Amino acid sequence: MSLTHPRRPLLITATGKIILAYMASGERIDFLRRMERREPAQVAAFLGELPDIRANALAYNYGAGVPDRYTVATPLLGSDGAFVAAICAVGGVEIRDRLVEVGETLREAVAAWRFPRQRRGTTA
């Protein structure tokens, strides 16, 4: 583990919530069952947010992991619609009150990205 970049729990980070929301449902269910034993409140909170995350393609963290750090994440999807990555915007108190607006801008920017189509039989 890096000393300068400590691990953050998937259930509370914006990127972690996106990863969980877009992973295969069976895999997500297995993960949540394991986590429920240790973190029942966090699992319940995530499950409460999950429908909105899926509907809006945005997940938020209002300073829960690191004080005065506010994050919003959205999925990056491949040309086939498959989940590729979680893209996140991070800021301090200056974005706290505009986090929804920042998220909408982030989601629109990521949705505008286009992957080049590969020809059959070729590799990148």
Protein backbone atom coordinates (compact mmCIF):
# COMPACT_ATOMS: atom_id res chain seq x y z
CA MET A 1 0.00 0.00 0.00
CA SER A 2 1.26 3.44 -0.83
CA LEU A 3 1.91 5.73 2.10
CA THR A 4 0.99 8.80 0.09
CA HIS A 5 -2.19 7.34 -1.41
CA PRO A 6 -3.95 5.27 1.25
CA ARG A 7 -6.73 2.95 0.14
CA ARG A 8 -10.26 4.26 0.49
CA PRO A 9 -13.28 2.01 0.95
CA LEU A 10 -15.33 1.39 -2.20
CA LEU A 11 -18.56 2.01 -0.34
CA ILE A 12 -17.85 5.65 0.51
CA THR A 13 -15.74 6.99 -2.35
CA ALA A 14 -17.41 8.40 -5.43
CA THR A 15 -15.25 6.29 -7.74
CA GLY A 16 -15.83 3.20 -5.61
CA LYS A 17 -19.59 3.71 -5.80
CA ILE A 18 -19.40 3.96 -9.60
CA ILE A 19 -17.28 0.81 -9.80
CA LEU A 20 -19.77 -1.06 -7.61
CA ALA A 21 -22.79 0.29 -9.48
CA TYR A 22 -21.42 -0.84 -12.84
CA MET A 23 -19.91 -4.21 -11.89
CA ALA A 24 -21.78 -7.40 -12.75
CA SER A 25 -24.75 -7.75 -10.40
CA GLY A 26 -23.68 -11.17 -9.07
CA GLU A 27 -20.22 -9.88 -8.27
CA ARG A 28 -21.70 -6.77 -6.62
CA ILE A 29 -24.11 -8.86 -4.52
CA ASP A 30 -21.27 -11.12 -3.34
CA PHE A 31 -19.13 -8.11 -2.42
CA LEU A 32 -21.96 -6.41 -0.55
CA ARG A 33 -22.79 -9.58 1.39
CA ARG A 34 -19.18 -9.82 2.57
CA MET A 35 -19.04 -6.13 3.47
CA GLU A 36 -22.38 -6.18 5.28
CA ARG A 37 -20.83 -8.14 8.14
CA ARG A 38 -18.24 -5.41 8.77
CA GLU A 39 -19.93 -2.27 7.48
CA PRO A 40 -23.73 -2.71 7.58
CA ALA A 41 -24.46 1.04 7.65
CA GLN A 42 -22.24 1.73 4.65
CA VAL A 43 -23.80 -1.13 2.66
CA ALA A 44 -27.29 0.14 3.47
CA ALA A 45 -26.31 3.69 2.47
CA PHE A 46 -24.83 2.48 -0.83
CA LEU A 47 -27.91 0.39 -1.61
CA GLY A 48 -30.03 3.47 -0.96
CA GLU A 49 -27.92 5.48 -3.43
CA LEU A 50 -27.61 2.75 -6.08
CA PRO A 51 -30.83 3.49 -8.02
CA ASP A 52 -29.88 7.18 -8.34
CA ILE A 53 -26.30 6.33 -9.30
CA ARG A 54 -27.54 4.07 -12.07
CA ALA A 55 -30.23 6.52 -13.22
CA ASN A 56 -27.97 9.61 -13.25
CA ALA A 57 -24.54 8.02 -13.87
CA LEU A 58 -23.14 10.08 -10.99
CA ALA A 59 -21.90 9.22 -7.50
CA TYR A 60 -20.94 11.70 -4.81
CA ASN A 61 -18.78 11.87 -1.72
CA TYR A 62 -19.38 14.89 0.48
CA GLY A 63 -16.19 14.77 2.54
CA ALA A 64 -16.79 11.35 4.12
CA GLY A 65 -13.37 9.90 3.30
CA VAL A 66 -11.17 12.97 3.65
CA PRO A 67 -12.38 16.07 5.46
CA ASP A 68 -13.00 19.05 3.17
CA ARG A 69 -12.54 16.92 0.01
CA TYR A 70 -15.61 16.66 -2.18
CA THR A 71 -15.78 14.27 -5.11
CA VAL A 72 -18.11 13.28 -7.89
CA ALA A 73 -17.58 10.39 -10.30
CA THR A 74 -19.14 9.09 -13.48
CA PRO A 75 -18.55 5.95 -15.55
CA LEU A 76 -16.53 5.84 -18.72
CA LEU A 77 -18.22 3.34 -21.01
CA GLY A 78 -16.72 1.72 -24.09
CA SER A 79 -18.29 1.94 -27.52
CA ASP A 80 -20.08 -1.32 -26.70
CA GLY A 81 -21.55 0.17 -23.51
CA ALA A 82 -19.28 -1.86 -21.22
CA PHE A 83 -17.86 -0.22 -18.10
CA VAL A 84 -14.24 0.86 -18.62
CA ALA A 85 -13.39 3.18 -15.72
CA ALA A 86 -14.67 5.60 -13.12
CA ILE A 87 -13.70 9.20 -13.83
CA CYS A 88 -13.66 11.51 -10.84
CA ALA A 89 -13.49 15.24 -10.11
CA VAL A 90 -12.08 16.28 -6.73
CA GLY A 91 -12.10 19.63 -5.03
CA GLY A 92 -12.11 21.38 -1.71
CA VAL A 93 -14.73 23.51 -0.06
CA GLU A 94 -14.85 25.72 -3.16
CA ILE A 95 -16.89 23.05 -5.00
CA ARG A 96 -18.96 21.77 -2.06
CA ASP A 97 -22.02 23.81 -2.97
CA ARG A 98 -21.63 23.18 -6.73
CA LEU A 99 -20.91 19.46 -6.63
CA VAL A 100 -24.07 18.53 -8.55
CA GLU A 101 -23.21 21.06 -11.28
CA VAL A 102 -19.61 19.80 -11.42
CA GLY A 103 -20.95 16.26 -11.74
CA GLU A 104 -23.25 17.15 -14.60
CA THR A 105 -20.38 18.85 -16.44
CA LEU A 106 -18.12 15.85 -15.81
CA ARG A 107 -20.77 13.38 -17.00
CA GLU A 108 -21.38 15.36 -20.20
CA ALA A 109 -17.64 15.66 -20.92
CA VAL A 110 -17.03 11.94 -20.38
CA ALA A 111 -20.08 10.98 -22.46
CA ALA A 112 -18.66 13.04 -25.33
CA TRP A 113 -15.46 10.97 -25.43
CA ARG A 114 -15.39 8.57 -28.33
CA PHE A 115 -13.35 5.42 -28.66
CA PRO A 116 -11.97 4.59 -32.09
CA ARG A 117 -13.63 1.57 -33.60
CA GLN A 118 -11.32 -1.32 -34.34
CA ARG A 119 -11.56 -3.33 -37.50
CA ARG A 120 -12.15 -7.01 -37.08
CA GLY A 121 -8.94 -8.98 -36.89
CA THR A 122 -6.82 -5.98 -35.88
CA THR A 123 -5.40 -5.00 -32.53
CA ALA A 124 -4.74 -1.61 -31.05
